[in-house]
């Protein structure tokens, strides 16, 4: 009988959250924001901003250097997040062969005009987003150099647009 009461007491404490370590509850409360951005030439516009009730996805494996990058900064220009990304204007389409067993064919096109893409950022502290690309004529080997990057567009997250 005593063992039964002990089990009920432990179950009640567990349900009340008394036995969950503080680190676990902090992790559960971690959030990030998902931004839908629109790039039109040298203008970056915020289309939608959603708060996601999950931690910012972690980078799995080594990060591949790509020809574009996005930087999120906070107060006083402190870099909070920097991620490499593919050119948002690229569109890749794949098609099955004409007959069963034919290889898959793929085509990559560079879209003109406005393009929309998503970015995940920390939930708080981000005041500015800057989109950059490698300077023409440079290869990915030059990516670690600060002068290798050319600013494409920027956005103050208060909603104001910014140009290069």
C-alpha atoms as a PDB file:
ATOM      1  CA  UNK A   1       0.000   0.000   0.000  1.00  0.00           C
ATOM      2  CA  UNK A   2       2.846   2.407   0.912  1.00  0.00           C
ATOM      3  CA  UNK A   3       4.609   1.666  -2.408  1.00  0.00           C
ATOM      4  CA  UNK A   4       1.402   2.492  -4.268  1.00  0.00           C
ATOM      5  CA  UNK A   5       1.121   5.891  -2.492  1.00  0.00           C
ATOM      6  CA  UNK A   6       4.784   6.609  -3.248  1.00  0.00           C
ATOM      7  CA  UNK A   7       4.212   5.924  -6.956  1.00  0.00           C
ATOM      8  CA  UNK A   8       1.202   8.262  -7.006  1.00  0.00           C
ATOM      9  CA  UNK A   9       3.187  10.955  -5.195  1.00  0.00           C
ATOM     10  CA  UNK A  10       6.069  10.694  -7.684  1.00  0.00           C
ATOM     11  CA  UNK A  11       3.664  10.703 -10.631  1.00  0.00           C
ATOM     12  CA  UNK A  12       1.931  13.814  -9.263  1.00  0.00           C
ATOM     13  CA  UNK A  13       5.255  15.615  -8.764  1.00  0.00           C
ATOM     14  CA  UNK A  14       6.375  14.667 -12.256  1.00  0.00           C
ATOM     15  CA  UNK A  15       3.148  15.981 -13.781  1.00  0.00           C
ATOM     16  CA  UNK A  16       3.460  19.192 -11.772  1.00  0.00           C
ATOM     17  CA  UNK A  17       6.943  19.721 -13.219  1.00  0.00           C
ATOM     18  CA  UNK A  18       8.726  19.467  -9.886  1.00  0.00           C
ATOM     19  CA  UNK A  19      11.102  16.723 -11.010  1.00  0.00           C
ATOM     20  CA  UNK A  20      12.062  18.190 -14.398  1.00  0.00           C
ATOM     21  CA  UNK A  21      15.531  19.725 -14.239  1.00  0.00           C
ATOM     22  CA  UNK A  22      15.707  23.487 -14.953  1.00  0.00           C
ATOM     23  CA  UNK A  23      17.927  22.966 -18.013  1.00  0.00           C
ATOM     24  CA  UNK A  24      15.231  20.861 -19.690  1.00  0.00           C
ATOM     25  CA  UNK A  25      12.555  23.505 -19.145  1.00  0.00           C
ATOM     26  CA  UNK A  26      14.906  26.220 -20.468  1.00  0.00           C
ATOM     27  CA  UNK A  27      15.526  24.147 -23.587  1.00  0.00           C
ATOM     28  CA  UNK A  28      11.789  23.658 -24.084  1.00  0.00           C
ATOM     29  CA  UNK A  29      11.245  27.421 -23.896  1.00  0.00           C
ATOM     30  CA  UNK A  30      13.970  28.203 -26.464  1.00  0.00           C
ATOM     31  CA  UNK A  31      12.579  29.883 -29.549  1.00  0.00           C
ATOM     32  CA  UNK A  32      13.775  31.219 -32.876  1.00  0.00           C
ATOM     33  CA  UNK A  33      12.266  33.334 -35.624  1.00  0.00           C
ATOM     34  CA  UNK A  34      11.571  32.347 -39.189  1.00  0.00           C
ATOM     35  CA  UNK A  35      11.738  35.244 -41.650  1.00  0.00           C
ATOM     36  CA  UNK A  36      10.335  35.231 -45.157  1.00  0.00           C
ATOM     37  CA  UNK A  37      12.405  37.752 -47.108  1.00  0.00           C
ATOM     38  CA  UNK A  38      12.030  39.130 -50.610  1.00  0.00           C
ATOM     39  CA  UNK A  39      15.057  40.178 -52.655  1.00  0.00           C
ATOM     40  CA  UNK A  40      14.407  42.584 -55.512  1.00  0.00           C
ATOM     41  CA  UNK A  41      17.722  43.695 -56.994  1.00  0.00           C
ATOM     42  CA  UNK A  42      19.431  45.483 -54.110  1.00  0.00           C
ATOM     43  CA  UNK A  43      16.320  45.755 -51.916  1.00  0.00           C
ATOM     44  CA  UNK A  44      15.532  43.318 -49.137  1.00  0.00           C
ATOM     45  CA  UNK A  45      11.990  43.332 -47.784  1.00  0.00           C
ATOM     46  CA  UNK A  46      10.479  41.484 -44.819  1.00  0.00           C
ATOM     47  CA  UNK A  47       7.314  39.688 -45.968  1.00  0.00           C
ATOM     48  CA  UNK A  48       6.575  37.612 -42.870  1.00  0.00           C
ATOM     49  CA  UNK A  49       8.066  37.026 -39.428  1.00  0.00           C
ATOM     50  CA  UNK A  50       7.035  34.033 -37.303  1.00  0.00           C
ATOM     51  CA  UNK A  51       8.174  33.058 -33.841  1.00  0.00           C
ATOM     52  CA  UNK A  52       8.830  29.301 -33.688  1.00  0.00           C
ATOM     53  CA  UNK A  53       8.502  27.519 -30.329  1.00  0.00           C
ATOM     54  CA  UNK A  54      11.609  25.407 -30.917  1.00  0.00           C
ATOM     55  CA  UNK A  55      15.330  26.096 -30.519  1.00  0.00           C
ATOM     56  CA  UNK A  56      17.267  27.404 -33.504  1.00  0.00           C
ATOM     57  CA  UNK A  57      18.227  24.314 -35.548  1.00  0.00           C
ATOM     58  CA  UNK A  58      21.854  23.435 -34.973  1.00  0.00           C
ATOM     59  CA  UNK A  59      24.356  23.073 -37.766  1.00  0.00           C
ATOM     60  CA  UNK A  60      24.854  19.387 -38.547  1.00  0.00           C
ATOM     61  CA  UNK A  61      28.271  18.518 -39.850  1.00  0.00           C
ATOM     62  CA  UNK A  62      30.770  21.014 -41.192  1.00  0.00           C
ATOM     63  CA  UNK A  63      29.252  24.076 -42.807  1.00  0.00           C
ATOM     64  CA  UNK A  64      29.801  24.210 -46.569  1.00  0.00           C
ATOM     65  CA  UNK A  65      31.098  27.486 -47.865  1.00  0.00           C
ATOM     66  CA  UNK A  66      28.758  28.874 -50.498  1.00  0.00           C
ATOM     67  CA  UNK A  67      28.807  31.971 -52.658  1.00  0.00           C
ATOM     68  CA  UNK A  68      26.279  33.920 -50.553  1.00  0.00           C
ATOM     69  CA  UNK A  69      25.987  34.525 -46.826  1.00  0.00           C
ATOM     70  CA  UNK A  70      23.579  36.162 -44.432  1.00  0.00           C
ATOM     71  CA  UNK A  71      24.657  37.930 -41.256  1.00  0.00           C
ATOM     72  CA  UNK A  72      22.371  38.820 -38.335  1.00  0.00           C
ATOM     73  CA  UNK A  73      23.674  41.542 -36.044  1.00  0.00           C
ATOM     74  CA  UNK A  74      22.509  42.933 -32.747  1.00  0.00           C
ATOM     75  CA  UNK A  75      23.065  46.179 -30.922  1.00  0.00           C
ATOM     76  CA  UNK A  76      26.366  47.911 -31.687  1.00  0.00           C
ATOM     77  CA  UNK A  77      26.842  45.690 -34.764  1.00  0.00           C
ATOM     78  CA  UNK A  78      27.717  42.531 -32.816  1.00  0.00           C
ATOM     79  CA  UNK A  79      27.422  39.473 -35.088  1.00  0.00           C
ATOM     80  CA  UNK A  80      24.858  37.049 -33.635  1.00  0.00           C
ATOM     81  CA  UNK A  81      24.675  34.596 -36.526  1.00  0.00           C
ATOM     82  CA  UNK A  82      26.394  34.144 -39.887  1.00  0.00           C
ATOM     83  CA  UNK A  83      25.388  31.415 -42.319  1.00  0.00           C
ATOM     84  CA  UNK A  84      26.434  30.542 -45.846  1.00  0.00           C
ATOM     85  CA  UNK A  85      23.651  29.979 -48.322  1.00  0.00           C
ATOM     86  CA  UNK A  86      23.019  29.305 -51.982  1.00  0.00           C
ATOM     87  CA  UNK A  87      22.168  32.218 -54.232  1.00  0.00           C
ATOM     88  CA  UNK A  88      18.430  32.696 -53.541  1.00  0.00           C
ATOM     89  CA  UNK A  89      17.859  33.400 -57.245  1.00  0.00           C
ATOM     90  CA  UNK A  90      18.892  29.849 -58.238  1.00  0.00           C
ATOM     91  CA  UNK A  91      16.108  27.454 -59.149  1.00  0.00           C
ATOM     92  CA  UNK A  92      16.814  23.737 -59.595  1.00  0.00           C
ATOM     93  CA  UNK A  93      14.390  21.423 -61.378  1.00  0.00           C
ATOM     94  CA  UNK A  94      14.787  17.672 -61.868  1.00  0.00           C
ATOM     95  CA  UNK A  95      12.864  15.454 -64.266  1.00  0.00           C
ATOM     96  CA  UNK A  96      12.610  11.702 -64.628  1.00  0.00           C
ATOM     97  CA  UNK A  97      13.740  10.205 -67.914  1.00  0.00           C
ATOM     98  CA  UNK A  98      11.389   9.777 -70.828  1.00  0.00           C
ATOM     99  CA  UNK A  99      11.312   5.990 -70.367  1.00  0.00           C
ATOM    100  CA  UNK A 100      11.537   3.872 -67.210  1.00  0.00           C
ATOM    101  CA  UNK A 101      15.172   3.385 -66.249  1.00  0.00           C
ATOM    102  CA  UNK A 102      16.364   6.601 -67.943  1.00  0.00           C
ATOM    103  CA  UNK A 103      18.529   8.809 -65.722  1.00  0.00           C
ATOM    104  CA  UNK A 104      17.125  11.826 -63.929  1.00  0.00           C
ATOM    105  CA  UNK A 105      17.828  15.069 -65.754  1.00  0.00           C
ATOM    106  CA  UNK A 106      18.340  18.376 -63.971  1.00  0.00           C
ATOM    107  CA  UNK A 107      18.316  22.020 -64.935  1.00  0.00           C
ATOM    108  CA  UNK A 108      19.477  25.028 -62.893  1.00  0.00           C
ATOM    109  CA  UNK A 109      18.220  28.490 -63.795  1.00  0.00           C
ATOM    110  CA  UNK A 110      18.957  31.942 -62.424  1.00  0.00           C
ATOM    111  CA  UNK A 111      15.619  33.665 -61.787  1.00  0.00           C
ATOM    112  CA  UNK A 112      15.204  37.319 -62.673  1.00  0.00           C
ATOM    113  CA  UNK A 113      13.126  39.807 -60.717  1.00  0.00           C
ATOM    114  CA  UNK A 114      11.848  39.337 -57.178  1.00  0.00           C
ATOM    115  CA  UNK A 115      12.711  36.166 -55.284  1.00  0.00           C
ATOM    116  CA  UNK A 116      11.532  35.038 -51.853  1.00  0.00           C
ATOM    117  CA  UNK A 117      13.453  32.878 -49.397  1.00  0.00           C
ATOM    118  CA  UNK A 118      13.407  31.969 -45.711  1.00  0.00           C
ATOM    119  CA  UNK A 119      15.990  32.474 -42.980  1.00  0.00           C
ATOM    120  CA  UNK A 120      16.029  31.203 -39.378  1.00  0.00           C
ATOM    121  CA  UNK A 121      17.477  33.585 -36.776  1.00  0.00           C
ATOM    122  CA  UNK A 122      17.710  33.814 -32.985  1.00  0.00           C
ATOM    123  CA  UNK A 123      14.418  34.898 -31.429  1.00  0.00           C
ATOM    124  CA  UNK A 124      15.763  38.018 -29.763  1.00  0.00           C
ATOM    125  CA  UNK A 125      18.531  40.545 -30.097  1.00  0.00           C
ATOM    126  CA  UNK A 126      18.651  40.682 -33.909  1.00  0.00           C
ATOM    127  CA  UNK A 127      18.333  44.258 -35.130  1.00  0.00           C
ATOM    128  CA  UNK A 128      19.765  43.987 -38.648  1.00  0.00           C
ATOM    129  CA  UNK A 129      20.161  41.406 -41.423  1.00  0.00           C
ATOM    130  CA  UNK A 130      22.767  41.793 -44.181  1.00  0.00           C
ATOM    131  CA  UNK A 131      22.898  39.686 -47.351  1.00  0.00           C
ATOM    132  CA  UNK A 132      26.300  39.414 -49.082  1.00  0.00           C
ATOM    133  CA  UNK A 133      27.816  37.557 -52.029  1.00  0.00           C
ATOM    134  CA  UNK A 134      31.370  36.782 -53.060  1.00  0.00           C
ATOM    135  CA  UNK A 135      32.905  39.491 -55.214  1.00  0.00           C
ATOM    136  CA  UNK A 136      32.926  38.651 -58.945  1.00  0.00           C
ATOM    137  CA  UNK A 137      35.975  36.676 -60.017  1.00  0.00           C
ATOM    138  CA  UNK A 138      36.687  35.234 -56.558  1.00  0.00           C
ATOM    139  CA  UNK A 139      36.421  31.547 -55.707  1.00  0.00           C
ATOM    140  CA  UNK A 140      35.147  29.952 -52.522  1.00  0.00           C
ATOM    141  CA  UNK A 141      38.759  29.750 -51.296  1.00  0.00           C
ATOM    142  CA  UNK A 142      38.632  33.520 -50.721  1.00  0.00           C
ATOM    143  CA  UNK A 143      35.569  33.282 -48.419  1.00  0.00           C
ATOM    144  CA  UNK A 144      37.477  33.655 -45.107  1.00  0.00           C
ATOM    145  CA  UNK A 145      38.688  37.115 -46.141  1.00  0.00           C
ATOM    146  CA  UNK A 146      36.400  39.966 -45.059  1.00  0.00           C
ATOM    147  CA  UNK A 147      37.134  41.936 -48.256  1.00  0.00           C
ATOM    148  CA  UNK A 148      35.952  39.005 -50.408  1.00  0.00           C
ATOM    149  CA  UNK A 149      32.307  39.819 -49.707  1.00  0.00           C
ATOM    150  CA  UNK A 150      30.133  42.366 -51.481  1.00  0.00           C
ATOM    151  CA  UNK A 151      27.011  43.669 -49.773  1.00  0.00           C
ATOM    152  CA  UNK A 152      23.833  42.919 -51.736  1.00  0.00           C
ATOM    153  CA  UNK A 153      21.162  44.249 -49.395  1.00  0.00           C
ATOM    154  CA  UNK A 154      20.377  44.895 -45.751  1.00  0.00           C
ATOM    155  CA  UNK A 155      17.279  45.176 -43.625  1.00  0.00           C
ATOM    156  CA  UNK A 156      16.628  46.822 -40.292  1.00  0.00           C
ATOM    157  CA  UNK A 157      14.212  44.509 -38.529  1.00  0.00           C
ATOM    158  CA  UNK A 158      12.136  47.446 -37.442  1.00  0.00           C
ATOM    159  CA  UNK A 159      10.792  47.165 -40.990  1.00  0.00           C
ATOM    160  CA  UNK A 160      12.877  49.789 -42.773  1.00  0.00           C
ATOM    161  CA  UNK A 161      14.597  48.736 -45.988  1.00  0.00           C
ATOM    162  CA  UNK A 162      18.270  49.388 -46.543  1.00  0.00           C
ATOM    163  CA  UNK A 163      20.319  49.479 -49.744  1.00  0.00           C
ATOM    164  CA  UNK A 164      24.023  48.711 -50.305  1.00  0.00           C
END
